[in-house]
Amino acid sequence: MGTARPMLEDIRETTENDAWELLSRACERNSPINLFTTADEPLGRSRLLALGEDGLLIDHPIRDGRPVSVSLGVRINAYLLHDGHRLGFRSRVLDRSRVRLNTRVSLDGLVLSVPPRVERMQRRNHYRVSLGAENQIGCWLSQVPPSGGDSRTEDPDRTPEESDAEVSEGGASGAGESDVAAGHESDRRQNAWEETFLMPVQPVNLSTGGLAVAYDKWAPMRPKPGELVRVGLDLGDGEGFMIVDAEVRHTRLVPRPERIVSGLRFHEFVEPSSTALAMARISRYVAAIQRRHLARVRIKE
């Protein structure tokens, strides 16, 4: 079977000395590594053998039980598991080598350039991207209505007979009128939410599973872990904003500048019928940021 494509994000980079020390320990253990092209297409699986001034020596990669042909000079991405962390580095194939294990056994190997840094990668079900000032995302928090759903309250002056009459009239109307009514109801819900108290927050990161937001420590809303909040999210893609209830997973105070950061997990979109479309929008947005990030990394190299 081929190696699986990693869904990763850089969250920490080592210094050059740290990278050398880390790779030295990994070579002592002959740690397995997965090799990918710079476009993250799988190349094969190998093992770290030795680290020296001439380069990083690895066993010749195999895929589906067969040796893989790798051209000299090709750039690669390599990923390995070390001390419980998924690590990655970028390198280039410098040479081919013959590795002698003992007087009788020798192996074909490759010499890679020693990477100047090694990056620790995230391991999660949802790929998460960091958001900066260049990402024009609007985000607001609001309290979830007591009913957990629609913020509308019933008209206290409306009698049960009037309510029954409305239901009967709706049942007698055609399917087209029902669709129009559903559209008006969706608009009414969104307008009602816009009229409630909204607290602007700064998105820190985003995935299809949730997001992290930052706000002033003196903000009027300071939700606690386990609470549900209502989130309005505008990706700036011209398709309007989404309304989703989210669970606060964690909250912490961070310095410079001093503010609160809360991690939110998406719980339920207010319009269930639009959940698939909303998730597709978020997925496209996250993928676009990922592509821009990879493009910047390649330009620097």
C-alpha atoms as a PDB file:
ATOM      1  CA  MET A   1       0.000   0.000   0.000  1.00  0.00           C
ATOM      2  CA  GLY A   2       1.165   3.559  -0.694  1.00  0.00           C
ATOM      3  CA  THR A   3       1.934   6.046   2.018  1.00  0.00           C
ATOM      4  CA  ALA A   4      -0.865   8.377   3.081  1.00  0.00           C
ATOM      5  CA  ARG A   5      -0.678  12.050   2.254  1.00  0.00           C
ATOM      6  CA  PRO A   6      -0.162  14.103   5.427  1.00  0.00           C
ATOM      7  CA  MET A   7      -2.607  16.862   6.295  1.00  0.00           C
ATOM      8  CA  LEU A   8      -0.264  19.088   8.258  1.00  0.00           C
ATOM      9  CA  GLU A   9       0.466  22.617   9.399  1.00  0.00           C
ATOM     10  CA  ASP A  10       3.759  24.030  10.670  1.00  0.00           C
ATOM     11  CA  ILE A  11       3.463  25.012  14.323  1.00  0.00           C
ATOM     12  CA  ARG A  12       7.120  25.189  15.395  1.00  0.00           C
ATOM     13  CA  GLU A  13      10.508  25.344  13.687  1.00  0.00           C
ATOM     14  CA  THR A  14      13.818  24.153  15.127  1.00  0.00           C
ATOM     15  CA  THR A  15      17.113  25.988  14.838  1.00  0.00           C
ATOM     16  CA  GLU A  16      19.900  24.513  12.702  1.00  0.00           C
ATOM     17  CA  ASN A  17      21.660  23.042  15.760  1.00  0.00           C
ATOM     18  CA  ASP A  18      18.394  21.577  17.048  1.00  0.00           C
ATOM     19  CA  ALA A  19      17.706  20.026  13.638  1.00  0.00           C
ATOM     20  CA  TRP A  20      21.131  18.356  13.575  1.00  0.00           C
ATOM     21  CA  GLU A  21      20.694  16.954  17.089  1.00  0.00           C
ATOM     22  CA  LEU A  22      17.180  15.710  16.367  1.00  0.00           C
ATOM     23  CA  LEU A  23      18.152  14.001  13.098  1.00  0.00           C
ATOM     24  CA  SER A  24      21.200  12.428  14.766  1.00  0.00           C
ATOM     25  CA  ARG A  25      18.986  10.770  17.365  1.00  0.00           C
ATOM     26  CA  ALA A  26      16.525   9.674  14.681  1.00  0.00           C
ATOM     27  CA  CYS A  27      19.378   8.100  12.676  1.00  0.00           C
ATOM     28  CA  GLU A  28      20.553   6.187  15.747  1.00  0.00           C
ATOM     29  CA  ARG A  29      17.094   4.618  15.891  1.00  0.00           C
ATOM     30  CA  ASN A  30      16.936   4.118  12.102  1.00  0.00           C
ATOM     31  CA  SER A  31      13.593   5.905  12.193  1.00  0.00           C
ATOM     32  CA  PRO A  32      11.300   5.292   9.198  1.00  0.00           C
ATOM     33  CA  ILE A  33      10.435   8.301   7.019  1.00  0.00           C
ATOM     34  CA  ASN A  34       7.827   8.965   4.337  1.00  0.00           C
ATOM     35  CA  LEU A  35       9.028  10.818   1.249  1.00  0.00           C
ATOM     36  CA  PHE A  36       6.865  13.116  -0.867  1.00  0.00           C
ATOM     37  CA  THR A  37       7.365  15.433  -3.806  1.00  0.00           C
ATOM     38  CA  THR A  38       7.186  19.186  -3.187  1.00  0.00           C
ATOM     39  CA  ALA A  39       3.571  18.939  -4.367  1.00  0.00           C
ATOM     40  CA  ASP A  40       3.038  16.372  -1.562  1.00  0.00           C
ATOM     41  CA  GLU A  41       2.589  13.454  -3.945  1.00  0.00           C
ATOM     42  CA  PRO A  42       3.854  10.236  -2.280  1.00  0.00           C
ATOM     43  CA  LEU A  43       7.259   8.937  -3.403  1.00  0.00           C
ATOM     44  CA  GLY A  44       7.898   6.077  -1.022  1.00  0.00           C
ATOM     45  CA  ARG A  45       9.023   4.935   2.402  1.00  0.00           C
ATOM     46  CA  SER A  46      12.589   4.739   3.696  1.00  0.00           C
ATOM     47  CA  ARG A  47      14.721   4.748   6.868  1.00  0.00           C
ATOM     48  CA  LEU A  48      17.261   7.173   8.260  1.00  0.00           C
ATOM     49  CA  LEU A  49      20.715   5.574   8.389  1.00  0.00           C
ATOM     50  CA  ALA A  50      23.396   8.158   9.167  1.00  0.00           C
ATOM     51  CA  LEU A  51      24.052  11.888   9.391  1.00  0.00           C
ATOM     52  CA  GLY A  52      27.367  13.426   8.397  1.00  0.00           C
ATOM     53  CA  GLU A  53      29.005  16.467   6.856  1.00  0.00           C
ATOM     54  CA  ASP A  54      28.342  15.059   3.373  1.00  0.00           C
ATOM     55  CA  GLY A  55      24.623  14.729   3.944  1.00  0.00           C
ATOM     56  CA  LEU A  56      21.805  12.664   5.394  1.00  0.00           C
ATOM     57  CA  LEU A  57      21.993   9.016   4.353  1.00  0.00           C
ATOM     58  CA  ILE A  58      18.749   7.071   3.909  1.00  0.00           C
ATOM     59  CA  ASP A  59      17.839   3.615   2.675  1.00  0.00           C
ATOM     60  CA  HIS A  60      16.634   3.491  -0.939  1.00  0.00           C
ATOM     61  CA  PRO A  61      12.887   4.243  -0.808  1.00  0.00           C
ATOM     62  CA  ILE A  62      10.315   1.622  -1.710  1.00  0.00           C
ATOM     63  CA  ARG A  63       6.636   1.851  -2.563  1.00  0.00           C
ATOM     64  CA  ASP A  64       4.194  -1.040  -2.800  1.00  0.00           C
ATOM     65  CA  GLY A  65       7.114  -3.375  -2.115  1.00  0.00           C
ATOM     66  CA  ARG A  66       9.219  -2.135  -5.039  1.00  0.00           C
ATOM     67  CA  PRO A  67      12.213   0.240  -5.237  1.00  0.00           C
ATOM     68  CA  VAL A  68      11.357   3.757  -6.378  1.00  0.00           C
ATOM     69  CA  SER A  69      13.398   5.572  -9.005  1.00  0.00           C
ATOM     70  CA  VAL A  70      14.408   8.992  -7.656  1.00  0.00           C
ATOM     71  CA  SER A  71      16.367  11.433  -9.825  1.00  0.00           C
ATOM     72  CA  LEU A  72      19.381  13.306  -8.496  1.00  0.00           C
ATOM     73  CA  GLY A  73      18.694  16.933  -7.664  1.00  0.00           C
ATOM     74  CA  VAL A  74      14.981  16.439  -7.049  1.00  0.00           C
ATOM     75  CA  ARG A  75      13.520  18.306  -4.076  1.00  0.00           C
ATOM     76  CA  ILE A  76      11.514  16.315  -1.557  1.00  0.00           C
ATOM     77  CA  ASN A  77       9.456  16.681   1.602  1.00  0.00           C
ATOM     78  CA  ALA A  78      10.150  14.108   4.317  1.00  0.00           C
ATOM     79  CA  TYR A  79       8.012  13.248   7.346  1.00  0.00           C
ATOM     80  CA  LEU A  80       8.806  11.079  10.360  1.00  0.00           C
ATOM     81  CA  LEU A  81       7.461  10.255  13.807  1.00  0.00           C
ATOM     82  CA  HIS A  82       9.890  11.041  16.643  1.00  0.00           C
ATOM     83  CA  ASP A  83       9.191  10.971  20.393  1.00  0.00           C
ATOM     84  CA  GLY A  84       5.460  11.119  19.760  1.00  0.00           C
ATOM     85  CA  HIS A  85       5.658  14.134  17.423  1.00  0.00           C
ATOM     86  CA  ARG A  86       5.182  14.202  13.663  1.00  0.00           C
ATOM     87  CA  LEU A  87       8.132  16.062  12.147  1.00  0.00           C
ATOM     88  CA  GLY A  88       8.862  17.250   8.634  1.00  0.00           C
ATOM     89  CA  PHE A  89      11.715  18.754   6.667  1.00  0.00           C
ATOM     90  CA  ARG A  90      12.538  19.783   3.102  1.00  0.00           C
ATOM     91  CA  SER A  91      15.606  18.439   1.366  1.00  0.00           C
ATOM     92  CA  ARG A  92      17.190  17.569  -1.986  1.00  0.00           C
ATOM     93  CA  VAL A  93      18.634  14.312  -3.344  1.00  0.00           C
ATOM     94  CA  LEU A  94      22.404  14.848  -3.692  1.00  0.00           C
ATOM     95  CA  ASP A  95      23.799  11.443  -4.588  1.00  0.00           C
ATOM     96  CA  ARG A  96      23.389   7.683  -4.568  1.00  0.00           C
ATOM     97  CA  SER A  97      25.402   5.545  -2.182  1.00  0.00           C
ATOM     98  CA  ARG A  98      26.119   1.938  -1.274  1.00  0.00           C
ATOM     99  CA  VAL A  99      25.621   1.244   2.424  1.00  0.00           C
ATOM    100  CA  ARG A 100      27.572  -1.678   3.900  1.00  0.00           C
ATOM    101  CA  LEU A 101      25.818  -3.205   6.894  1.00  0.00           C
ATOM    102  CA  ASN A 102      28.428  -5.935   7.471  1.00  0.00           C
ATOM    103  CA  THR A 103      30.977  -7.965   5.517  1.00  0.00           C
ATOM    104  CA  ARG A 104      28.245  -9.753   3.599  1.00  0.00           C
ATOM    105  CA  VAL A 105      25.297  -7.372   3.325  1.00  0.00           C
ATOM    106  CA  SER A 106      25.138  -3.950   1.681  1.00  0.00           C
ATOM    107  CA  LEU A 107      22.221  -1.747   0.660  1.00  0.00           C
ATOM    108  CA  ASP A 108      21.531   0.899  -1.956  1.00  0.00           C
ATOM    109  CA  GLY A 109      20.892   4.300  -0.426  1.00  0.00           C
ATOM    110  CA  LEU A 110      20.432   7.982  -1.168  1.00  0.00           C
ATOM    111  CA  VAL A 111      22.264  11.002   0.202  1.00  0.00           C
ATOM    112  CA  LEU A 112      20.028  13.962   1.042  1.00  0.00           C
ATOM    113  CA  SER A 113      21.045  17.526   1.798  1.00  0.00           C
ATOM    114  CA  VAL A 114      21.015  18.267   5.533  1.00  0.00           C
ATOM    115  CA  PRO A 115      17.938  20.428   6.217  1.00  0.00           C
ATOM    116  CA  PRO A 116      18.558  23.735   8.019  1.00  0.00           C
ATOM    117  CA  ARG A 117      15.418  23.224  10.081  1.00  0.00           C
ATOM    118  CA  VAL A 118      12.906  20.578  11.092  1.00  0.00           C
ATOM    119  CA  GLU A 119       9.262  21.481  11.613  1.00  0.00           C
ATOM    120  CA  ARG A 120       6.857  19.941  14.071  1.00  0.00           C
ATOM    121  CA  MET A 121       3.525  19.183  12.435  1.00  0.00           C
ATOM    122  CA  GLN A 122       0.013  19.106  13.789  1.00  0.00           C
ATOM    123  CA  ARG A 123      -1.887  15.835  13.929  1.00  0.00           C
ATOM    124  CA  ARG A 124      -5.627  16.354  13.732  1.00  0.00           C
ATOM    125  CA  ASN A 125      -8.696  15.282  11.796  1.00  0.00           C
ATOM    126  CA  HIS A 126      -9.307  18.790  10.426  1.00  0.00           C
ATOM    127  CA  TYR A 127      -6.563  20.733   8.699  1.00  0.00           C
ATOM    128  CA  ARG A 128      -6.176  24.082  10.455  1.00  0.00           C
ATOM    129  CA  VAL A 129      -4.670  27.272   9.037  1.00  0.00           C
ATOM    130  CA  SER A 130      -3.495  30.344  10.899  1.00  0.00           C
ATOM    131  CA  LEU A 131      -5.191  33.628  10.062  1.00  0.00           C
ATOM    132  CA  GLY A 132      -3.429  36.981   9.928  1.00  0.00           C
ATOM    133  CA  ALA A 133      -4.329  40.565   9.152  1.00  0.00           C
ATOM    134  CA  GLU A 134      -4.171  39.784   5.426  1.00  0.00           C
ATOM    135  CA  ASN A 135      -7.111  37.378   5.794  1.00  0.00           C
ATOM    136  CA  GLN A 136     -10.157  39.635   5.688  1.00  0.00           C
ATOM    137  CA  ILE A 137     -12.524  37.541   7.801  1.00  0.00           C
ATOM    138  CA  GLY A 138     -15.385  38.993   9.798  1.00  0.00           C
ATOM    139  CA  CYS A 139     -16.339  37.169  12.983  1.00  0.00           C
ATOM    140  CA  TRP A 140     -18.793  37.924  15.782  1.00  0.00           C
ATOM    141  CA  LEU A 141     -19.976  36.143  18.913  1.00  0.00           C
ATOM    142  CA  SER A 142     -23.439  36.209  20.402  1.00  0.00           C
ATOM    143  CA  GLN A 143     -25.295  34.326  23.081  1.00  0.00           C
ATOM    144  CA  VAL A 144     -27.320  31.313  21.990  1.00  0.00           C
ATOM    145  CA  PRO A 145     -31.062  31.956  22.468  1.00  0.00           C
ATOM    146  CA  PRO A 146     -32.549  30.057  25.445  1.00  0.00           C
ATOM    147  CA  SER A 147     -34.372  27.712  23.066  1.00  0.00           C
ATOM    148  CA  GLY A 148     -31.018  26.767  21.536  1.00  0.00           C
ATOM    149  CA  GLY A 149     -32.261  27.711  18.095  1.00  0.00           C
ATOM    150  CA  ASP A 150     -34.481  30.433  16.699  1.00  0.00           C
ATOM    151  CA  SER A 151     -34.238  33.784  18.477  1.00  0.00           C
ATOM    152  CA  ARG A 152     -37.914  34.577  17.687  1.00  0.00           C
ATOM    153  CA  THR A 153     -40.427  34.714  20.534  1.00  0.00           C
ATOM    154  CA  GLU A 154     -44.065  33.795  20.121  1.00  0.00           C
ATOM    155  CA  ASP A 155     -46.613  36.611  19.842  1.00  0.00           C
ATOM    156  CA  PRO A 156     -48.439  36.576  23.212  1.00  0.00           C
ATOM    157  CA  ASP A 157     -51.550  38.140  21.620  1.00  0.00           C
ATOM    158  CA  ARG A 158     -51.928  35.423  18.976  1.00  0.00           C
ATOM    159  CA  THR A 159     -54.614  32.864  19.799  1.00  0.00           C
ATOM    160  CA  PRO A 160     -54.295  29.114  19.155  1.00  0.00           C
ATOM    161  CA  GLU A 161     -57.062  29.446  16.533  1.00  0.00           C
ATOM    162  CA  GLU A 162     -54.995  32.025  14.615  1.00  0.00           C
ATOM    163  CA  SER A 163     -51.970  29.749  14.737  1.00  0.00           C
ATOM    164  CA  ASP A 164     -54.024  26.810  13.444  1.00  0.00           C
ATOM    165  CA  ALA A 165     -55.383  28.995  10.645  1.00  0.00           C
ATOM    166  CA  GLU A 166     -51.854  29.911   9.569  1.00  0.00           C
ATOM    167  CA  VAL A 167     -50.891  26.244   9.457  1.00  0.00           C
ATOM    168  CA  SER A 168     -53.996  25.386   7.403  1.00  0.00           C
ATOM    169  CA  GLU A 169     -53.302  28.171   4.920  1.00  0.00           C
ATOM    170  CA  GLY A 170     -49.717  26.979   4.571  1.00  0.00           C
ATOM    171  CA  GLY A 171     -50.875  23.428   3.904  1.00  0.00           C
ATOM    172  CA  ALA A 172     -53.273  24.565   1.198  1.00  0.00           C
ATOM    173  CA  SER A 173     -50.623  26.525  -0.679  1.00  0.00           C
ATOM    174  CA  GLY A 174     -48.522  25.040  -3.449  1.00  0.00           C
ATOM    175  CA  ALA A 175     -44.958  23.757  -3.238  1.00  0.00           C
ATOM    176  CA  GLY A 176     -43.643  26.949  -4.817  1.00  0.00           C
ATOM    177  CA  GLU A 177     -45.200  29.082  -2.098  1.00  0.00           C
ATOM    178  CA  SER A 178     -43.692  26.768   0.533  1.00  0.00           C
ATOM    179  CA  ASP A 179     -40.231  27.302  -0.936  1.00  0.00           C
ATOM    180  CA  VAL A 180     -40.726  31.064  -0.922  1.00  0.00           C
ATOM    181  CA  ALA A 181     -41.924  30.921   2.681  1.00  0.00           C
ATOM    182  CA  ALA A 182     -38.867  28.876   3.645  1.00  0.00           C
ATOM    183  CA  GLY A 183     -36.635  31.480   2.024  1.00  0.00           C
ATOM    184  CA  HIS A 184     -38.368  34.290   3.883  1.00  0.00           C
ATOM    185  CA  GLU A 185     -38.018  32.336   7.125  1.00  0.00           C
ATOM    186  CA  SER A 186     -34.278  31.935   6.553  1.00  0.00           C
ATOM    187  CA  ASP A 187     -33.914  35.667   5.875  1.00  0.00           C
ATOM    188  CA  ARG A 188     -36.007  36.498   8.939  1.00  0.00           C
ATOM    189  CA  ARG A 189     -33.798  34.343  11.166  1.00  0.00           C
ATOM    190  CA  GLN A 190     -30.641  35.988   9.876  1.00  0.00           C
ATOM    191  CA  ASN A 191     -32.092  39.492  10.250  1.00  0.00           C
ATOM    192  CA  ALA A 192     -33.253  38.688  13.777  1.00  0.00           C
ATOM    193  CA  TRP A 193     -29.759  37.485  14.660  1.00  0.00           C
ATOM    194  CA  GLU A 194     -28.204  40.644  13.222  1.00  0.00           C
ATOM    195  CA  GLU A 195     -30.375  42.720  15.548  1.00  0.00           C
ATOM    196  CA  THR A 196     -29.121  40.920  18.676  1.00  0.00           C
ATOM    197  CA  PHE A 197     -25.980  41.834  20.604  1.00  0.00           C
ATOM    198  CA  LEU A 198     -22.859  41.018  18.576  1.00  0.00           C
ATOM    199  CA  MET A 199     -19.302  41.079  19.912  1.00  0.00           C
ATOM    200  CA  PRO A 200     -16.614  41.444  17.211  1.00  0.00           C
ATOM    201  CA  VAL A 201     -13.696  39.037  17.689  1.00  0.00           C
ATOM    202  CA  GLN A 202     -10.435  38.391  15.837  1.00  0.00           C
ATOM    203  CA  PRO A 203     -10.167  34.936  14.190  1.00  0.00           C
ATOM    204  CA  VAL A 204      -6.805  33.299  14.965  1.00  0.00           C
ATOM    205  CA  ASN A 205      -7.135  30.032  13.048  1.00  0.00           C
ATOM    206  CA  LEU A 206      -9.806  28.124  11.156  1.00  0.00           C
ATOM    207  CA  SER A 207     -10.651  24.578  10.112  1.00  0.00           C
ATOM    208  CA  THR A 208     -13.768  22.695   9.064  1.00  0.00           C
ATOM    209  CA  GLY A 209     -14.031  21.530  12.679  1.00  0.00           C
ATOM    210  CA  GLY A 210     -13.956  24.929  14.364  1.00  0.00           C
ATOM    211  CA  LEU A 211     -11.887  28.044  14.938  1.00  0.00           C
ATOM    212  CA  ALA A 212      -9.996  30.010  17.569  1.00  0.00           C
ATOM    213  CA  VAL A 213     -10.863  33.641  18.275  1.00  0.00           C
ATOM    214  CA  ALA A 214      -9.182  36.397  20.284  1.00  0.00           C
ATOM    215  CA  TYR A 215     -10.815  39.262  22.156  1.00  0.00           C
ATOM    216  CA  ASP A 216     -10.069  41.791  24.887  1.00  0.00           C
ATOM    217  CA  LYS A 217      -9.940  40.408  28.422  1.00  0.00           C
ATOM    218  CA  TRP A 218     -12.448  43.089  29.460  1.00  0.00           C
ATOM    219  CA  ALA A 219     -14.914  42.101  26.724  1.00  0.00           C
ATOM    220  CA  PRO A 220     -18.590  41.982  27.774  1.00  0.00           C
ATOM    221  CA  MET A 221     -18.789  38.313  26.704  1.00  0.00           C
ATOM    222  CA  ARG A 222     -16.272  35.910  28.220  1.00  0.00           C
ATOM    223  CA  PRO A 223     -17.610  32.399  27.565  1.00  0.00           C
ATOM    224  CA  LYS A 224     -16.287  29.513  29.632  1.00  0.00           C
ATOM    225  CA  PRO A 225     -15.272  26.022  28.464  1.00  0.00           C
ATOM    226  CA  GLY A 226     -18.316  23.851  27.866  1.00  0.00           C
ATOM    227  CA  GLU A 227     -20.628  26.762  27.009  1.00  0.00           C
ATOM    228  CA  LEU A 228     -22.322  27.202  23.640  1.00  0.00           C
ATOM    229  CA  VAL A 229     -21.957  30.471  21.741  1.00  0.00           C
ATOM    230  CA  ARG A 230     -23.419  31.623  18.458  1.00  0.00           C
ATOM    231  CA  VAL A 231     -20.823  32.545  15.839  1.00  0.00           C
ATOM    232  CA  GLY A 232     -21.269  34.714  12.767  1.00  0.00           C
ATOM    233  CA  LEU A 233     -18.555  34.103  10.187  1.00  0.00           C
ATOM    234  CA  ASP A 234     -17.965  36.063   6.974  1.00  0.00           C
ATOM    235  CA  LEU A 235     -15.186  34.640   4.787  1.00  0.00           C
ATOM    236  CA  GLY A 236     -15.257  37.614   2.449  1.00  0.00           C
ATOM    237  CA  ASP A 237     -16.110  35.383  -0.524  1.00  0.00           C
ATOM    238  CA  GLY A 238     -19.252  37.295  -1.451  1.00  0.00           C
ATOM    239  CA  GLU A 239     -21.587  34.522  -0.258  1.00  0.00           C
ATOM    240  CA  GLY A 240     -22.717  36.191   2.958  1.00  0.00           C
ATOM    241  CA  PHE A 241     -22.004  35.117   6.508  1.00  0.00           C
ATOM    242  CA  MET A 242     -22.692  31.804   8.181  1.00  0.00           C
ATOM    243  CA  ILE A 243     -24.342  31.349  11.564  1.00  0.00           C
ATOM    244  CA  VAL A 244     -23.212  28.389  13.637  1.00  0.00           C
ATOM    245  CA  ASP A 245     -23.489  27.379  17.273  1.00  0.00           C
ATOM    246  CA  ALA A 246     -20.112  26.348  18.681  1.00  0.00           C
ATOM    247  CA  GLU A 247     -18.867  24.800  21.908  1.00  0.00           C
ATOM    248  CA  VAL A 248     -16.073  26.541  23.812  1.00  0.00           C
ATOM    249  CA  ARG A 249     -13.366  23.892  24.192  1.00  0.00           C
ATOM    250  CA  HIS A 250     -10.700  25.930  25.981  1.00  0.00           C
ATOM    251  CA  THR A 251      -9.901  29.515  26.958  1.00  0.00           C
ATOM    252  CA  ARG A 252      -6.552  31.020  27.888  1.00  0.00           C
ATOM    253  CA  LEU A 253      -5.028  34.429  28.568  1.00  0.00           C
ATOM    254  CA  VAL A 254      -2.114  35.288  26.273  1.00  0.00           C
ATOM    255  CA  PRO A 255       0.374  38.181  26.647  1.00  0.00           C
ATOM    256  CA  ARG A 256       1.656  40.793  24.180  1.00  0.00           C
ATOM    257  CA  PRO A 257      -0.934  42.031  23.534  1.00  0.00           C
ATOM    258  CA  GLU A 258      -2.839  40.785  26.550  1.00  0.00           C
ATOM    259  CA  ARG A 259      -6.041  39.174  25.361  1.00  0.00           C
ATOM    260  CA  ILE A 260      -8.171  36.053  25.670  1.00  0.00           C
ATOM    261  CA  VAL A 261      -8.056  33.281  23.064  1.00  0.00           C
ATOM    262  CA  SER A 262     -10.904  30.759  22.949  1.00  0.00           C
ATOM    263  CA  GLY A 263     -10.965  27.547  20.935  1.00  0.00           C
ATOM    264  CA  LEU A 264     -14.417  26.826  19.493  1.00  0.00           C
ATOM    265  CA  ARG A 265     -15.689  23.567  18.018  1.00  0.00           C
ATOM    266  CA  PHE A 266     -18.547  23.790  15.528  1.00  0.00           C
ATOM    267  CA  HIS A 267     -21.645  22.229  17.065  1.00  0.00           C
ATOM    268  CA  GLU A 268     -24.599  22.926  14.773  1.00  0.00           C
ATOM    269  CA  PHE A 269     -25.314  25.335  11.941  1.00  0.00           C
ATOM    270  CA  VAL A 270     -28.455  27.389  12.511  1.00  0.00           C
ATOM    271  CA  GLU A 271     -29.714  26.429   9.057  1.00  0.00           C
ATOM    272  CA  PRO A 272     -29.156  22.623   8.975  1.00  0.00           C
ATOM    273  CA  SER A 273     -29.942  22.438   5.250  1.00  0.00           C
ATOM    274  CA  SER A 274     -26.949  24.688   4.528  1.00  0.00           C
ATOM    275  CA  THR A 275     -24.430  22.722   6.619  1.00  0.00           C
ATOM    276  CA  ALA A 276     -22.870  20.908   3.649  1.00  0.00           C
ATOM    277  CA  LEU A 277     -22.534  24.146   1.661  1.00  0.00           C
ATOM    278  CA  ALA A 278     -21.029  25.969   4.650  1.00  0.00           C
ATOM    279  CA  MET A 279     -18.479  23.206   5.251  1.00  0.00           C
ATOM    280  CA  ALA A 280     -17.565  23.213   1.554  1.00  0.00           C
ATOM    281  CA  ARG A 281     -17.005  26.991   1.689  1.00  0.00           C
ATOM    282  CA  ILE A 282     -14.754  26.680   4.735  1.00  0.00           C
ATOM    283  CA  SER A 283     -12.854  23.786   3.150  1.00  0.00           C
ATOM    284  CA  ARG A 284     -12.224  25.807  -0.039  1.00  0.00           C
ATOM    285  CA  TYR A 285     -11.073  28.802   1.983  1.00  0.00           C
ATOM    286  CA  VAL A 286      -8.681  26.719   4.116  1.00  0.00           C
ATOM    287  CA  ALA A 287      -7.266  24.989   1.013  1.00  0.00           C
ATOM    288  CA  ALA A 288      -6.647  28.355  -0.681  1.00  0.00           C
ATOM    289  CA  ILE A 289      -4.690  29.647   2.331  1.00  0.00           C
ATOM    290  CA  GLN A 290      -2.699  26.397   2.430  1.00  0.00           C
ATOM    291  CA  ARG A 291      -1.731  26.790  -1.235  1.00  0.00           C
ATOM    292  CA  ARG A 292      -0.601  30.390  -0.662  1.00  0.00           C
ATOM    293  CA  HIS A 293       1.458  29.292   2.344  1.00  0.00           C
ATOM    294  CA  LEU A 294       3.219  26.555   0.364  1.00  0.00           C
ATOM    295  CA  ALA A 295       3.876  28.980  -2.500  1.00  0.00           C
ATOM    296  CA  ARG A 296       5.564  31.455  -0.120  1.00  0.00           C
ATOM    297  CA  VAL A 297       7.722  28.682   1.356  1.00  0.00           C
ATOM    298  CA  ARG A 298       8.916  27.600  -2.100  1.00  0.00           C
ATOM    299  CA  ILE A 299       9.739  31.181  -3.086  1.00  0.00           C
ATOM    300  CA  LYS A 300      11.902  31.568   0.046  1.00  0.00           C
ATOM    301  CA  GLU A 301      13.771  28.377  -0.805  1.00  0.00           C
END
